[in-house]
Each structure stands twice: as C-alpha cells, then as structure tokens.
C-alpha atoms as a PDB file:
ATOM      1  CA  MET A   1      -7.655 -13.938  20.470  1.00  0.00           C
ATOM      2  CA  ARG A   2      -9.511 -11.916  17.895  1.00  0.00           C
ATOM      3  CA  ALA A   3      -8.278 -10.510  14.590  1.00  0.00           C
ATOM      4  CA  PHE A   4      -9.703  -7.331  13.049  1.00  0.00           C
ATOM      5  CA  ARG A   5      -9.623  -5.918   9.531  1.00  0.00           C
ATOM      6  CA  LEU A   6      -8.914  -2.187   9.380  1.00  0.00           C
ATOM      7  CA  ALA A   7      -9.384   0.328   6.591  1.00  0.00           C
ATOM      8  CA  TYR A   8      -7.781   3.754   6.859  1.00  0.00           C
ATOM      9  CA  ASP A   9      -6.915   6.842   4.879  1.00  0.00           C
ATOM     10  CA  GLY A  10      -3.190   7.040   5.511  1.00  0.00           C
ATOM     11  CA  ARG A  11      -2.649  10.473   4.023  1.00  0.00           C
ATOM     12  CA  GLU A  12      -3.118  12.186   7.392  1.00  0.00           C
ATOM     13  CA  PHE A  13      -0.855   9.824   9.348  1.00  0.00           C
ATOM     14  CA  TYR A  14       2.902   9.399   9.690  1.00  0.00           C
ATOM     15  CA  GLY A  15       2.554   5.716   8.868  1.00  0.00           C
ATOM     16  CA  PHE A  16       1.014   2.819  10.758  1.00  0.00           C
ATOM     17  CA  GLN A  17       3.627   2.070  13.412  1.00  0.00           C
ATOM     18  CA  ARG A  18       3.422   3.972  16.695  1.00  0.00           C
ATOM     19  CA  GLN A  19       5.959   6.797  16.979  1.00  0.00           C
ATOM     20  CA  PRO A  20       6.547   9.464  19.626  1.00  0.00           C
ATOM     21  CA  ASP A  21       5.183  12.976  18.990  1.00  0.00           C
ATOM     22  CA  VAL A  22       3.479  12.275  15.629  1.00  0.00           C
ATOM     23  CA  SER A  23       0.066  10.884  14.705  1.00  0.00           C
ATOM     24  CA  THR A  24       0.095   7.275  13.467  1.00  0.00           C
ATOM     25  CA  VAL A  25      -2.644   4.714  12.900  1.00  0.00           C
ATOM     26  CA  GLU A  26      -1.279   2.361  15.547  1.00  0.00           C
ATOM     27  CA  GLY A  27      -0.815   5.198  18.003  1.00  0.00           C
ATOM     28  CA  ARG A  28      -4.454   6.225  17.679  1.00  0.00           C
ATOM     29  CA  LEU A  29      -5.582   2.596  17.883  1.00  0.00           C
ATOM     30  CA  LEU A  30      -3.618   1.842  21.048  1.00  0.00           C
ATOM     31  CA  ALA A  31      -4.779   5.095  22.649  1.00  0.00           C
ATOM     32  CA  THR A  32      -8.363   4.045  21.867  1.00  0.00           C
ATOM     33  CA  LEU A  33      -7.851   0.644  23.496  1.00  0.00           C
ATOM     34  CA  ALA A  34      -6.269   2.267  26.555  1.00  0.00           C
ATOM     35  CA  ALA A  35      -9.147   4.739  26.895  1.00  0.00           C
ATOM     36  CA  ALA A  36     -11.582   1.803  26.719  1.00  0.00           C
ATOM     37  CA  GLY A  37      -9.748   0.001  29.527  1.00  0.00           C
ATOM     38  CA  VAL A  38      -8.439  -2.834  27.342  1.00  0.00           C
ATOM     39  CA  THR A  39      -4.869  -2.015  28.308  1.00  0.00           C
ATOM     40  CA  ASP A  40      -2.841   0.570  30.188  1.00  0.00           C
ATOM     41  CA  GLU A  41      -1.796   3.759  28.439  1.00  0.00           C
ATOM     42  CA  GLY A  42       1.331   3.258  26.351  1.00  0.00           C
ATOM     43  CA  GLU A  43       1.033  -0.532  26.470  1.00  0.00           C
ATOM     44  CA  THR A  44      -0.049  -3.101  23.892  1.00  0.00           C
ATOM     45  CA  PRO A  45      -2.695  -5.748  24.664  1.00  0.00           C
ATOM     46  CA  PRO A  46      -1.567  -9.362  25.171  1.00  0.00           C
ATOM     47  CA  GLY A  47      -0.869 -11.099  21.853  1.00  0.00           C
ATOM     48  CA  TYR A  48      -0.963  -7.835  19.914  1.00  0.00           C
ATOM     49  CA  ALA A  49       0.538  -7.730  16.413  1.00  0.00           C
ATOM     50  CA  ALA A  50      -0.232  -6.116  13.050  1.00  0.00           C
ATOM     51  CA  ALA A  51       0.056  -7.474   9.511  1.00  0.00           C
ATOM     52  CA  GLY A  52       2.381  -4.748   8.288  1.00  0.00           C
ATOM     53  CA  ARG A  53       3.874  -1.314   8.892  1.00  0.00           C
ATOM     54  CA  THR A  54       2.615   0.897   6.096  1.00  0.00           C
ATOM     55  CA  ASP A  55       4.662   4.036   5.428  1.00  0.00           C
ATOM     56  CA  ALA A  56       3.532   7.609   5.978  1.00  0.00           C
ATOM     57  CA  GLY A  57       0.789   8.466   3.489  1.00  0.00           C
ATOM     58  CA  VAL A  58      -0.030   4.846   2.581  1.00  0.00           C
ATOM     59  CA  SER A  59      -3.647   3.724   3.027  1.00  0.00           C
ATOM     60  CA  ALA A  60      -5.175   0.298   3.668  1.00  0.00           C
ATOM     61  CA  ILE A  61      -8.273  -1.784   3.170  1.00  0.00           C
ATOM     62  CA  ALA A  62      -6.979  -5.010   4.686  1.00  0.00           C
ATOM     63  CA  GLN A  63      -4.603  -4.025   7.478  1.00  0.00           C
ATOM     64  CA  THR A  64      -5.021  -6.706  10.137  1.00  0.00           C
ATOM     65  CA  ILE A  65      -4.413  -6.547  13.877  1.00  0.00           C
ATOM     66  CA  ALA A  66      -4.963  -9.213  16.518  1.00  0.00           C
ATOM     67  CA  PHE A  67      -4.948  -9.262  20.312  1.00  0.00           C
ATOM     68  CA  GLU A  68      -6.741 -10.754  23.324  1.00  0.00           C
ATOM     69  CA  ALA A  69      -9.924  -8.729  23.002  1.00  0.00           C
ATOM     70  CA  PRO A  70     -12.764  -8.549  25.546  1.00  0.00           C
ATOM     71  CA  ASP A  71     -16.173  -9.784  24.416  1.00  0.00           C
ATOM     72  CA  TRP A  72     -17.556  -6.284  23.856  1.00  0.00           C
ATOM     73  CA  CYS A  73     -14.749  -5.427  21.426  1.00  0.00           C
ATOM     74  CA  THR A  74     -16.416  -5.751  18.027  1.00  0.00           C
ATOM     75  CA  PRO A  75     -15.595  -3.747  14.884  1.00  0.00           C
ATOM     76  CA  ALA A  76     -18.645  -1.534  15.464  1.00  0.00           C
ATOM     77  CA  ALA A  77     -17.630  -0.941  19.083  1.00  0.00           C
ATOM     78  CA  LEU A  78     -14.109   0.024  18.017  1.00  0.00           C
ATOM     79  CA  ASN A  79     -15.484   2.438  15.426  1.00  0.00           C
ATOM     80  CA  GLY A  80     -17.402   4.228  18.162  1.00  0.00           C
ATOM     81  CA  ARG A  81     -14.060   5.210  19.670  1.00  0.00           C
ATOM     82  CA  LEU A  82     -11.653   5.418  16.695  1.00  0.00           C
ATOM     83  CA  PRO A  83     -11.110   8.545  14.558  1.00  0.00           C
ATOM     84  CA  GLY A  84     -13.244   8.579  11.406  1.00  0.00           C
ATOM     85  CA  SER A  85     -10.271   8.013   9.112  1.00  0.00           C
ATOM     86  CA  VAL A  86      -9.698   4.564  10.707  1.00  0.00           C
ATOM     87  CA  ARG A  87     -12.521   1.998  10.467  1.00  0.00           C
ATOM     88  CA  ALA A  88     -12.672  -1.605  11.637  1.00  0.00           C
ATOM     89  CA  TRP A  89     -15.024  -3.599   9.403  1.00  0.00           C
ATOM     90  CA  ALA A  90     -14.572  -7.343   9.994  1.00  0.00           C
ATOM     91  CA  ALA A  91     -13.333  -9.749  12.680  1.00  0.00           C
ATOM     92  CA  ALA A  92     -12.408 -13.388  13.241  1.00  0.00           C
ATOM     93  CA  ASP A  93     -11.763 -15.468  16.327  1.00  0.00           C
ATOM     94  CA  VAL A  94      -8.275 -16.984  16.033  1.00  0.00           C
ATOM     95  CA  SER A  95      -6.135 -19.373  18.036  1.00  0.00           C
ATOM     96  CA  ASP A  96      -3.633 -18.253  20.658  1.00  0.00           C
ATOM     97  CA  GLU A  97      -0.854 -19.213  18.225  1.00  0.00           C
ATOM     98  CA  PHE A  98      -2.094 -16.729  15.622  1.00  0.00           C
ATOM     99  CA  HIS A  99       0.262 -13.857  14.863  1.00  0.00           C
ATOM    100  CA  ALA A 100      -0.973 -11.083  12.574  1.00  0.00           C
ATOM    101  CA  THR A 101       2.500 -10.592  11.096  1.00  0.00           C
ATOM    102  CA  HIS A 102       3.967 -14.072  10.873  1.00  0.00           C
ATOM    103  CA  SER A 103       0.761 -16.016  10.118  1.00  0.00           C
ATOM    104  CA  ALA A 104       0.091 -14.040   6.920  1.00  0.00           C
ATOM    105  CA  SER A 105       0.766 -16.136   3.816  1.00  0.00           C
ATOM    106  CA  ARG A 106       0.425 -13.371   1.220  1.00  0.00           C
ATOM    107  CA  ARG A 107       0.117  -9.604   1.015  1.00  0.00           C
ATOM    108  CA  SER A 108      -1.116  -7.450  -1.871  1.00  0.00           C
ATOM    109  CA  TYR A 109      -0.668  -3.764  -2.607  1.00  0.00           C
ATOM    110  CA  THR A 110      -2.312  -1.614  -5.276  1.00  0.00           C
ATOM    111  CA  TYR A 111      -0.723   1.545  -6.678  1.00  0.00           C
ATOM    112  CA  HIS A 112      -2.728   4.052  -8.723  1.00  0.00           C
ATOM    113  CA  LEU A 113      -0.212   5.525 -11.178  1.00  0.00           C
ATOM    114  CA  HIS A 114      -1.547   8.613 -12.921  1.00  0.00           C
ATOM    115  CA  ALA A 115      -0.471   8.076 -16.525  1.00  0.00           C
ATOM    116  CA  PRO A 116      -3.112   9.511 -18.897  1.00  0.00           C
ATOM    117  CA  ASP A 117      -0.678   9.806 -21.809  1.00  0.00           C
ATOM    118  CA  ALA A 118       1.262   6.589 -21.263  1.00  0.00           C
ATOM    119  CA  ASP A 119       0.480   5.244 -24.721  1.00  0.00           C
ATOM    120  CA  ALA A 120       1.941   8.373 -26.307  1.00  0.00           C
ATOM    121  CA  GLY A 121       5.220   8.016 -24.448  1.00  0.00           C
ATOM    122  CA  HIS A 122       7.442  10.823 -23.155  1.00  0.00           C
ATOM    123  CA  GLU A 123      11.046  11.819 -23.215  1.00  0.00           C
ATOM    124  CA  SER A 124      12.933  10.167 -20.392  1.00  0.00           C
ATOM    125  CA  HIS A 125      13.519  12.274 -17.285  1.00  0.00           C
ATOM    126  CA  SER A 126      16.461  10.059 -16.375  1.00  0.00           C
ATOM    127  CA  ASP A 127      19.954   9.709 -17.817  1.00  0.00           C
ATOM    128  CA  SER A 128      19.816   5.933 -17.283  1.00  0.00           C
ATOM    129  CA  LEU A 129      19.634   4.134 -20.648  1.00  0.00           C
ATOM    130  CA  ALA A 130      18.663   7.479 -22.193  1.00  0.00           C
ATOM    131  CA  ASN A 131      19.942   6.438 -25.613  1.00  0.00           C
ATOM    132  CA  GLN A 132      17.740   3.339 -25.681  1.00  0.00           C
ATOM    133  CA  LYS A 133      14.057   3.924 -26.434  1.00  0.00           C
ATOM    134  CA  SER A 134      11.524   1.153 -26.117  1.00  0.00           C
ATOM    135  CA  SER A 135      10.241  -0.521 -29.275  1.00  0.00           C
ATOM    136  CA  ILE A 136       6.854  -0.720 -27.517  1.00  0.00           C
ATOM    137  CA  SER A 137       5.402   2.001 -25.344  1.00  0.00           C
ATOM    138  CA  GLY A 138       2.705   2.914 -22.884  1.00  0.00           C
ATOM    139  CA  ASP A 139       0.388   0.247 -21.518  1.00  0.00           C
ATOM    140  CA  ASP A 140       1.958  -2.577 -23.525  1.00  0.00           C
ATOM    141  CA  ALA A 141       5.394  -1.668 -22.195  1.00  0.00           C
ATOM    142  CA  ALA A 142       4.031  -1.546 -18.640  1.00  0.00           C
ATOM    143  CA  ARG A 143       2.496  -5.005 -18.982  1.00  0.00           C
ATOM    144  CA  GLU A 144       5.667  -6.448 -20.482  1.00  0.00           C
ATOM    145  CA  ALA A 145       7.722  -4.899 -17.687  1.00  0.00           C
ATOM    146  CA  ALA A 146       5.304  -6.319 -15.101  1.00  0.00           C
ATOM    147  CA  GLU A 147       5.674  -9.782 -16.616  1.00  0.00           C
ATOM    148  CA  ARG A 148       9.472  -9.562 -16.508  1.00  0.00           C
ATOM    149  CA  LEU A 149       9.428  -8.353 -12.901  1.00  0.00           C
ATOM    150  CA  SER A 150       7.124 -11.196 -11.822  1.00  0.00           C
ATOM    151  CA  GLY A 151       8.642 -14.376 -10.438  1.00  0.00           C
ATOM    152  CA  GLU A 152      11.563 -14.952  -8.103  1.00  0.00           C
ATOM    153  CA  HIS A 153      14.368 -12.383  -8.325  1.00  0.00           C
ATOM    154  CA  ASP A 154      16.922 -10.705  -6.132  1.00  0.00           C
ATOM    155  CA  PHE A 155      15.399  -7.232  -5.778  1.00  0.00           C
ATOM    156  CA  HIS A 156      18.371  -5.685  -3.960  1.00  0.00           C
ATOM    157  CA  ASN A 157      18.112  -2.553  -6.134  1.00  0.00           C
ATOM    158  CA  PHE A 158      14.509  -1.986  -4.967  1.00  0.00           C
ATOM    159  CA  THR A 159      15.171  -1.572  -1.253  1.00  0.00           C
ATOM    160  CA  SER A 160      17.560  -0.214   1.339  1.00  0.00           C
ATOM    161  CA  ASP A 161      17.396  -3.572   3.154  1.00  0.00           C
ATOM    162  CA  GLU A 162      20.585  -5.617   3.014  1.00  0.00           C
ATOM    163  CA  THR A 163      18.901  -8.981   3.604  1.00  0.00           C
ATOM    164  CA  GLY A 164      15.645 -10.616   2.531  1.00  0.00           C
ATOM    165  CA  THR A 165      15.842  -9.164  -0.972  1.00  0.00           C
ATOM    166  CA  VAL A 166      15.094 -12.416  -2.833  1.00  0.00           C
ATOM    167  CA  ARG A 167      11.329 -12.510  -3.315  1.00  0.00           C
ATOM    168  CA  ASP A 168       8.778 -14.328  -5.469  1.00  0.00           C
ATOM    169  CA  VAL A 169       6.319 -11.662  -6.596  1.00  0.00           C
ATOM    170  CA  GLU A 170       3.364 -11.338  -8.941  1.00  0.00           C
ATOM    171  CA  VAL A 171       2.901  -8.009 -10.720  1.00  0.00           C
ATOM    172  CA  GLY A 172      -0.155  -6.978 -12.751  1.00  0.00           C
ATOM    173  CA  VAL A 173      -1.042  -3.789 -14.653  1.00  0.00           C
ATOM    174  CA  GLU A 174      -4.479  -2.695 -15.854  1.00  0.00           C
ATOM    175  CA  ARG A 175      -5.696   0.522 -17.475  1.00  0.00           C
ATOM    176  CA  ASP A 176      -8.477   2.389 -15.615  1.00  0.00           C
ATOM    177  CA  GLY A 177      -9.199   5.757 -17.199  1.00  0.00           C
ATOM    178  CA  GLU A 178      -6.263   8.066 -16.611  1.00  0.00           C
ATOM    179  CA  PHE A 179      -4.580   5.564 -14.327  1.00  0.00           C
ATOM    180  CA  LEU A 180      -2.426   2.488 -14.623  1.00  0.00           C
ATOM    181  CA  VAL A 181      -3.466   0.300 -11.692  1.00  0.00           C
ATOM    182  CA  VAL A 182      -0.466  -1.739 -10.535  1.00  0.00           C
ATOM    183  CA  THR A 183      -1.034  -4.731  -8.239  1.00  0.00           C
ATOM    184  CA  VAL A 184       1.884  -6.412  -6.476  1.00  0.00           C
ATOM    185  CA  SER A 185       1.538  -9.593  -4.411  1.00  0.00           C
ATOM    186  CA  ALA A 186       4.061 -11.646  -2.441  1.00  0.00           C
ATOM    187  CA  GLY A 187       4.541 -13.373   0.871  1.00  0.00           C
ATOM    188  CA  GLY A 188       6.214 -10.200   2.141  1.00  0.00           C
ATOM    189  CA  PHE A 189       8.129  -7.180   0.938  1.00  0.00           C
ATOM    190  CA  PRO A 190      11.413  -5.498   1.817  1.00  0.00           C
ATOM    191  CA  ARG A 191      11.395  -1.825   2.749  1.00  0.00           C
ATOM    192  CA  GLY A 192      10.253   0.591   0.024  1.00  0.00           C
ATOM    193  CA  PHE A 193       9.889  -2.224  -2.488  1.00  0.00           C
ATOM    194  CA  VAL A 194       6.477  -1.563  -4.064  1.00  0.00           C
ATOM    195  CA  ARG A 195       7.021   2.151  -4.624  1.00  0.00           C
ATOM    196  CA  ARG A 196      10.350   1.487  -6.335  1.00  0.00           C
ATOM    197  CA  LEU A 197       8.853  -1.263  -8.482  1.00  0.00           C
ATOM    198  CA  VAL A 198       6.208   1.208  -9.654  1.00  0.00           C
ATOM    199  CA  GLY A 199       9.024   3.697 -10.270  1.00  0.00           C
ATOM    200  CA  VAL A 200      10.601   1.284 -12.750  1.00  0.00           C
ATOM    201  CA  LEU A 201       7.249   0.695 -14.460  1.00  0.00           C
ATOM    202  CA  ALA A 202       6.827   4.466 -14.794  1.00  0.00           C
ATOM    203  CA  GLU A 203      10.288   4.787 -16.342  1.00  0.00           C
ATOM    204  CA  VAL A 204       9.314   2.265 -19.014  1.00  0.00           C
ATOM    205  CA  ALA A 205       5.641   3.118 -19.572  1.00  0.00           C
ATOM    206  CA  VAL A 206       5.683   6.889 -19.104  1.00  0.00           C
ATOM    207  CA  ASP A 207       9.268   8.037 -19.652  1.00  0.00           C
ATOM    208  CA  GLY A 208       9.761   5.685 -22.602  1.00  0.00           C
ATOM    209  CA  GLN A 209      12.877   3.893 -21.402  1.00  0.00           C
ATOM    210  CA  SER A 210      13.833   0.623 -23.014  1.00  0.00           C
ATOM    211  CA  LEU A 211      12.693  -2.654 -21.518  1.00  0.00           C
ATOM    212  CA  ALA A 212      16.409  -3.290 -21.094  1.00  0.00           C
ATOM    213  CA  ARG A 213      15.964  -1.176 -17.962  1.00  0.00           C
ATOM    214  CA  ILE A 214      14.299  -4.191 -16.330  1.00  0.00           C
ATOM    215  CA  ASP A 215      17.391  -6.309 -16.932  1.00  0.00           C
ATOM    216  CA  GLU A 216      19.521  -3.515 -15.499  1.00  0.00           C
ATOM    217  CA  VAL A 217      17.592  -3.165 -12.231  1.00  0.00           C
ATOM    218  CA  LEU A 218      17.438  -6.954 -11.754  1.00  0.00           C
ATOM    219  CA  SER A 219      21.165  -7.416 -12.365  1.00  0.00           C
ATOM    220  CA  ASP A 220      23.699  -8.250  -9.663  1.00  0.00           C
ATOM    221  CA  GLU A 221      25.174  -4.759  -9.975  1.00  0.00           C
ATOM    222  CA  SER A 222      24.225  -2.300  -7.243  1.00  0.00           C
ATOM    223  CA  LEU A 223      22.759   0.787  -8.914  1.00  0.00           C
ATOM    224  CA  GLN A 224      23.301   4.185  -7.333  1.00  0.00           C
ATOM    225  CA  GLY A 225      23.021   7.858  -8.193  1.00  0.00           C
ATOM    226  CA  GLY A 226      21.261   8.601 -11.467  1.00  0.00           C
ATOM    227  CA  ARG A 227      21.028   4.904 -12.273  1.00  0.00           C
ATOM    228  CA  GLY A 228      19.209   4.072  -9.052  1.00  0.00           C
ATOM    229  CA  VAL A 229      15.574   3.030  -8.898  1.00  0.00           C
ATOM    230  CA  PRO A 230      13.223   5.963  -8.161  1.00  0.00           C
ATOM    231  CA  ARG A 231      10.750   5.684  -5.296  1.00  0.00           C
ATOM    232  CA  MET A 232       7.255   6.886  -6.137  1.00  0.00           C
ATOM    233  CA  PRO A 233       5.108   9.011  -3.765  1.00  0.00           C
ATOM    234  CA  PRO A 234       3.283   7.041  -1.044  1.00  0.00           C
ATOM    235  CA  GLU A 235      -0.216   8.544  -1.302  1.00  0.00           C
ATOM    236  CA  PRO A 236      -1.440   6.440  -4.289  1.00  0.00           C
ATOM    237  CA  LEU A 237      -0.480   3.175  -2.525  1.00  0.00           C
ATOM    238  CA  VAL A 238      -3.047   0.976  -0.724  1.00  0.00           C
ATOM    239  CA  LEU A 239      -2.618  -2.269   1.220  1.00  0.00           C
ATOM    240  CA  THR A 240      -5.465  -4.212  -0.402  1.00  0.00           C
ATOM    241  CA  GLY A 241      -5.002  -7.800   0.749  1.00  0.00           C
ATOM    242  CA  VAL A 242      -3.563  -9.907   3.586  1.00  0.00           C
ATOM    243  CA  GLU A 243      -4.260 -13.632   3.426  1.00  0.00           C
ATOM    244  CA  TYR A 244      -4.323 -16.056   6.355  1.00  0.00           C
ATOM    245  CA  PRO A 245      -4.804 -19.798   5.786  1.00  0.00           C
ATOM    246  CA  ASP A 246      -7.879 -21.192   7.550  1.00  0.00           C
ATOM    247  CA  VAL A 247      -9.045 -17.798   8.867  1.00  0.00           C
ATOM    248  CA  THR A 248     -12.451 -16.496   7.745  1.00  0.00           C
ATOM    249  CA  PHE A 249     -13.361 -12.928   8.629  1.00  0.00           C
ATOM    250  CA  ALA A 250     -16.990 -12.086   9.347  1.00  0.00           C
ATOM    251  CA  VAL A 251     -18.107  -8.689   8.100  1.00  0.00           C
ATOM    252  CA  ASP A 252     -19.737  -6.497  10.750  1.00  0.00           C
ATOM    253  CA  GLU A 253     -22.625  -4.902   8.827  1.00  0.00           C
ATOM    254  CA  GLU A 254     -22.953  -1.948  11.188  1.00  0.00           C
ATOM    255  CA  ALA A 255     -19.225  -1.306  11.030  1.00  0.00           C
ATOM    256  CA  ILE A 256     -18.967  -1.565   7.259  1.00  0.00           C
ATOM    257  CA  GLU A 257     -21.867   0.843   6.786  1.00  0.00           C
ATOM    258  CA  SER A 258     -20.016   3.265   9.038  1.00  0.00           C
ATOM    259  CA  ALA A 259     -16.863   2.817   6.957  1.00  0.00           C
ATOM    260  CA  ARG A 260     -18.723   3.345   3.694  1.00  0.00           C
ATOM    261  CA  GLY A 261     -20.286   6.504   5.053  1.00  0.00           C
ATOM    262  CA  VAL A 262     -16.975   7.943   6.231  1.00  0.00           C
ATOM    263  CA  PHE A 263     -15.057   7.197   3.055  1.00  0.00           C
ATOM    264  CA  GLY A 264     -18.010   8.182   0.888  1.00  0.00           C
ATOM    265  CA  GLN A 265     -17.867  11.650   2.457  1.00  0.00           C
ATOM    266  CA  ARG A 266     -14.124  11.788   1.890  1.00  0.00           C
ATOM    267  CA  ARG A 267     -14.616  10.821  -1.748  1.00  0.00           C
ATOM    268  CA  ALA A 268     -17.168  13.621  -2.212  1.00  0.00           C
ATOM    269  CA  GLY A 269     -14.745  16.126  -0.716  1.00  0.00           C
ATOM    270  CA  ALA A 270     -11.938  14.919  -2.968  1.00  0.00           C
ATOM    271  CA  LEU A 271     -14.133  15.191  -6.066  1.00  0.00           C
ATOM    272  CA  GLU A 272     -15.031  18.756  -5.114  1.00  0.00           C
ATOM    273  CA  ARG A 273     -11.334  19.620  -4.860  1.00  0.00           C
ATOM    274  CA  VAL A 274     -10.741  18.080  -8.294  1.00  0.00           C
ATOM    275  CA  ARG A 275     -13.515  20.207  -9.799  1.00  0.00           C
ATOM    276  CA  VAL A 276     -12.029  23.352  -8.272  1.00  0.00           C
ATOM    277  CA  THR A 277      -8.620  22.489  -9.717  1.00  0.00           C
ATOM    278  CA  GLU A 278     -10.146  21.775 -13.130  1.00  0.00           C
ATOM    279  CA  THR A 279     -11.881  25.161 -13.030  1.00  0.00           C
ATOM    280  CA  ILE A 280      -8.579  26.881 -12.336  1.00  0.00           C
ATOM    281  CA  LEU A 281      -6.857  24.960 -15.147  1.00  0.00           C
ATOM    282  CA  SER A 282      -9.596  25.773 -17.644  1.00  0.00           C
ATOM    283  CA  GLY A 283      -9.363  29.434 -16.708  1.00  0.00           C
ATOM    284  CA  LEU A 284      -5.642  29.430 -17.488  1.00  0.00           C
ATOM    285  CA  GLU A 285      -6.055  28.178 -21.060  1.00  0.00           C
END
C-alpha cells in the first residue's frame, strides 16, 4: 500500500468525490489510474480510500489517498498523467491496515475571509440579535469568538447532519493584509461545518453582532430561518492538513517542482485578473 499527498485547485471541480456527468478530482484521478492500467475503467484500486470529500470549489494541499500501487506509481509519474490542476507531491509506504479516511487522527482547514474593514465594523446584515452590538469589534471580536467556539461542543446548528455533531475543535484567527485567516482543526467534521463556523465569525467580526451570538448558535435550540447559521462560499476554503500517526511522507522533488510551477502560473494569472479589476474600479471613481 502507498499513500499520496495531493494538492489541487478545487475551483474548477464539482468537489472531490466521483460523480456521474460532472468533473471531480476523484473522477479525474481514477480515470488516470485506469488509463495507466492500474485498474479497470470505473473501478477503484484495491485498498483505495481518501482522507476526505471536499465540496465543490474547495481546494487542498494535504488531501491524501492510498491504494495498492505498482512500483512505477510515484508522485512524479502520476503528475505526468493528471490534469495540471491536480498535483501529487509526496508519498509514503503504509501497512495493509492503513485507511486514508479512518487512520487520520486530525484534519485542518484554512479559510481566507476577505475582511479589510473588520476593525471598523459594519451594520449587521442579519435580523438575528440585531439590537445587540458587540462591545468589541473587528479582529478582537473574531479572536474572542474563535476562543469561545474552540473546545468540545454540540455543533448541531453548524451542519445538516443529524448525528456526529459533538466535536472537539480548535479555532484560530490571524490578520493577513485584507484577510482574516481562519484555521479550524479537529479529528473530523460534520457536513458544511467549517463554512458555517466562518459564517458565525463573519457575523461577529464584520457585521458587528454581539458575542452573545456565539452562545446562541451553541445552544440546544435548533436555529432556523433568519436565525440560522450562514454558510460561507467554498472557494476561499483549503484542506491544509491531515495527520496520520507513525506515517512519514517523503517529498518527491520532481513532483513538487511541477506543482510549484503549475500553481505559480495560476497565481500569476489570478494577480493579472486582480489588476484588471482594480483598473476598472479606479476608472469608476
């Protein structure tokens, strides 16, 4: 068995998990393995599993897959067949008992929340707790909210799942230019959890809601309608860490150079689009 680290730009995929009639990361990966003769078309290799099923638009640095791979199947060899937006960059030999989903001890996500004026505060866009404004605002409010959300809670208001809602999570917030960078770590997450958690942080840090909102969303009461927890867009979310006890991944230098080249080009293209947009905005002043 061999485990592989994958990085991908999820914005052009309908999520990780294979689906009929739409492009997904797993679908492209399994088609690549079939074309290389590792498995039959439409099948998964023996022992195959993935660390998680990222939603449509969500990207990854540390997505992990494992299967019974032939000797030639290195990260660099995979990259020679995969689309440029998906890059393998490290690998580890693992035991037959290894399972990429169940053997993971911890997962981490990072969300890049665009909040350039968070310290100034804004009028709330929600009717929930609208008459209660926070005594602290912006970055300080975000950090206080993150601290209150950390620890073991029943997060039933953060997911559509009906079970598995009690989780022990660690939430951190740091300022990086125009962004609040939110990191969330736990053994696992219920569906839609991270994007809703960031939605609550945005309500407090950007919309100026009271920190009492945290108590409300963590209460036993099921919140619906206008009082429900908003789910933020998926594109700023990245799977940044998956930990496995006693597994050490070896970086494939050829593969990681390929990955840096691909994503470096994508970064340059994105910066060009930003400059074009800034030119348009400046012309409208």
